[in-house]
Amino acid sequence: MDLGGVLLVVRQRDDVEAENGEPGRMILNFHVDDFDAVEARLRTAGVDWLVPPEDRSSGRFGTFADPDGTYLQIIQFA
């Protein structure tokens, strides 16, 4: 996935479990300039939202899991 010049690569490995046993221990945050565009791209990719995109006092947030179950979050600060 190309994230504006930063590539996020998710690969399967034989030396780790198929899913993260404690996904809440680490959340990767991606600060974006156009939340709506990133959200649309993620929806097209079929992500399952753990916390659907929402407006908060500090900006717009959405949390989903990658194929391994690791939590990822997109944020556009207000």
C-alpha atoms as a PDB file:
ATOM      1  CA  MET A   1       0.000   0.000   0.000  1.00  0.00           C
ATOM      2  CA  ASP A   2       1.471   3.352  -1.014  1.00  0.00           C
ATOM      3  CA  LEU A   3       0.822   5.881   1.739  1.00  0.00           C
ATOM      4  CA  GLY A   4       1.996   9.053   0.059  1.00  0.00           C
ATOM      5  CA  GLY A   5       5.562   7.982  -0.534  1.00  0.00           C
ATOM      6  CA  VAL A   6       5.750   5.525   2.375  1.00  0.00           C
ATOM      7  CA  LEU A   7       5.119   1.913   1.491  1.00  0.00           C
ATOM      8  CA  LEU A   8       3.341  -0.360   3.956  1.00  0.00           C
ATOM      9  CA  VAL A   9       4.013  -3.993   3.134  1.00  0.00           C
ATOM     10  CA  VAL A  10       2.142  -6.783   4.900  1.00  0.00           C
ATOM     11  CA  ARG A  11       3.663 -10.194   4.298  1.00  0.00           C
ATOM     12  CA  GLN A  12       3.068 -13.633   5.696  1.00  0.00           C
ATOM     13  CA  ARG A  13       5.936 -15.217   7.619  1.00  0.00           C
ATOM     14  CA  ASP A  14       6.431 -18.796   8.753  1.00  0.00           C
ATOM     15  CA  ASP A  15       8.025 -17.839  12.079  1.00  0.00           C
ATOM     16  CA  VAL A  16       5.060 -15.921  13.576  1.00  0.00           C
ATOM     17  CA  GLU A  17       1.465 -16.823  14.387  1.00  0.00           C
ATOM     18  CA  ALA A  18      -1.219 -16.076  11.817  1.00  0.00           C
ATOM     19  CA  GLU A  19      -2.878 -13.459  14.062  1.00  0.00           C
ATOM     20  CA  ASN A  20      -1.643 -11.059  16.684  1.00  0.00           C
ATOM     21  CA  GLY A  21      -2.605 -12.419  20.111  1.00  0.00           C
ATOM     22  CA  GLU A  22      -2.606  -8.970  21.736  1.00  0.00           C
ATOM     23  CA  PRO A  23      -3.421  -6.450  18.976  1.00  0.00           C
ATOM     24  CA  GLY A  24      -4.114  -3.594  21.394  1.00  0.00           C
ATOM     25  CA  ARG A  25      -0.493  -3.504  22.589  1.00  0.00           C
ATOM     26  CA  MET A  26       0.576  -1.551  19.542  1.00  0.00           C
ATOM     27  CA  ILE A  27      -1.434   0.692  17.254  1.00  0.00           C
ATOM     28  CA  LEU A  28       0.210   2.146  14.163  1.00  0.00           C
ATOM     29  CA  ASN A  29      -1.085   5.660  13.555  1.00  0.00           C
ATOM     30  CA  PHE A  30      -1.063   7.158  10.082  1.00  0.00           C
ATOM     31  CA  HIS A  31      -1.522  10.925  10.008  1.00  0.00           C
ATOM     32  CA  VAL A  32      -3.220  11.839   6.736  1.00  0.00           C
ATOM     33  CA  ASP A  33      -4.036  15.096   4.946  1.00  0.00           C
ATOM     34  CA  ASP A  34      -7.208  13.846   3.224  1.00  0.00           C
ATOM     35  CA  PHE A  35      -9.087  11.541   5.571  1.00  0.00           C
ATOM     36  CA  ASP A  36     -12.035  11.051   3.207  1.00  0.00           C
ATOM     37  CA  ALA A  37      -9.799   9.869   0.351  1.00  0.00           C
ATOM     38  CA  VAL A  38      -7.896   7.426   2.568  1.00  0.00           C
ATOM     39  CA  GLU A  39     -11.132   6.163   4.125  1.00  0.00           C
ATOM     40  CA  ALA A  40     -12.627   5.547   0.666  1.00  0.00           C
ATOM     41  CA  ARG A  41      -9.516   3.672  -0.433  1.00  0.00           C
ATOM     42  CA  LEU A  42      -9.600   1.500   2.682  1.00  0.00           C
ATOM     43  CA  ARG A  43     -13.314   0.765   2.244  1.00  0.00           C
ATOM     44  CA  THR A  44     -12.643  -0.258  -1.366  1.00  0.00           C
ATOM     45  CA  ALA A  45      -9.924  -2.598  -0.058  1.00  0.00           C
ATOM     46  CA  GLY A  46     -12.532  -4.147   2.260  1.00  0.00           C
ATOM     47  CA  VAL A  47     -11.113  -3.292   5.688  1.00  0.00           C
ATOM     48  CA  ASP A  48     -13.145  -4.141   8.771  1.00  0.00           C
ATOM     49  CA  TRP A  49     -13.402  -1.086  10.996  1.00  0.00           C
ATOM     50  CA  LEU A  50     -12.843  -1.727  14.721  1.00  0.00           C
ATOM     51  CA  VAL A  51     -13.809   1.878  15.442  1.00  0.00           C
ATOM     52  CA  PRO A  52     -15.587   3.370  12.429  1.00  0.00           C
ATOM     53  CA  PRO A  53     -14.367   6.769  11.261  1.00  0.00           C
ATOM     54  CA  GLU A  54     -15.577   9.434  13.642  1.00  0.00           C
ATOM     55  CA  ASP A  55     -15.088  13.087  14.430  1.00  0.00           C
ATOM     56  CA  ARG A  56     -13.479  13.870  17.774  1.00  0.00           C
ATOM     57  CA  SER A  57     -12.533  17.174  19.336  1.00  0.00           C
ATOM     58  CA  SER A  58      -8.972  16.887  18.001  1.00  0.00           C
ATOM     59  CA  GLY A  59      -9.822  15.627  14.504  1.00  0.00           C
ATOM     60  CA  ARG A  60     -11.107  12.619  12.571  1.00  0.00           C
ATOM     61  CA  PHE A  61     -10.101   9.074  13.548  1.00  0.00           C
ATOM     62  CA  GLY A  62     -10.735   5.541  12.299  1.00  0.00           C
ATOM     63  CA  THR A  63      -9.288   2.246  13.560  1.00  0.00           C
ATOM     64  CA  PHE A  64      -9.096  -1.039  11.671  1.00  0.00           C
ATOM     65  CA  ALA A  65      -7.078  -4.259  11.721  1.00  0.00           C
ATOM     66  CA  ASP A  66      -4.586  -5.473   9.141  1.00  0.00           C
ATOM     67  CA  PRO A  67      -4.741  -9.100   7.911  1.00  0.00           C
ATOM     68  CA  ASP A  68      -2.657 -10.210  10.926  1.00  0.00           C
ATOM     69  CA  GLY A  69      -4.975  -8.487  13.388  1.00  0.00           C
ATOM     70  CA  THR A  70      -2.637  -5.584  14.210  1.00  0.00           C
ATOM     71  CA  TYR A  71      -4.524  -2.367  14.904  1.00  0.00           C
ATOM     72  CA  LEU A  72      -3.998   0.526  12.486  1.00  0.00           C
ATOM     73  CA  GLN A  73      -5.448   4.000  12.831  1.00  0.00           C
ATOM     74  CA  ILE A  74      -5.825   6.865  10.386  1.00  0.00           C
ATOM     75  CA  ILE A  75      -5.961  10.354  11.830  1.00  0.00           C
ATOM     76  CA  GLN A  76      -6.495  13.798  10.394  1.00  0.00           C
ATOM     77  CA  PHE A  77      -6.019  16.392  13.093  1.00  0.00           C
ATOM     78  CA  ALA A  78      -8.319  19.399  13.123  1.00  0.00           C
END
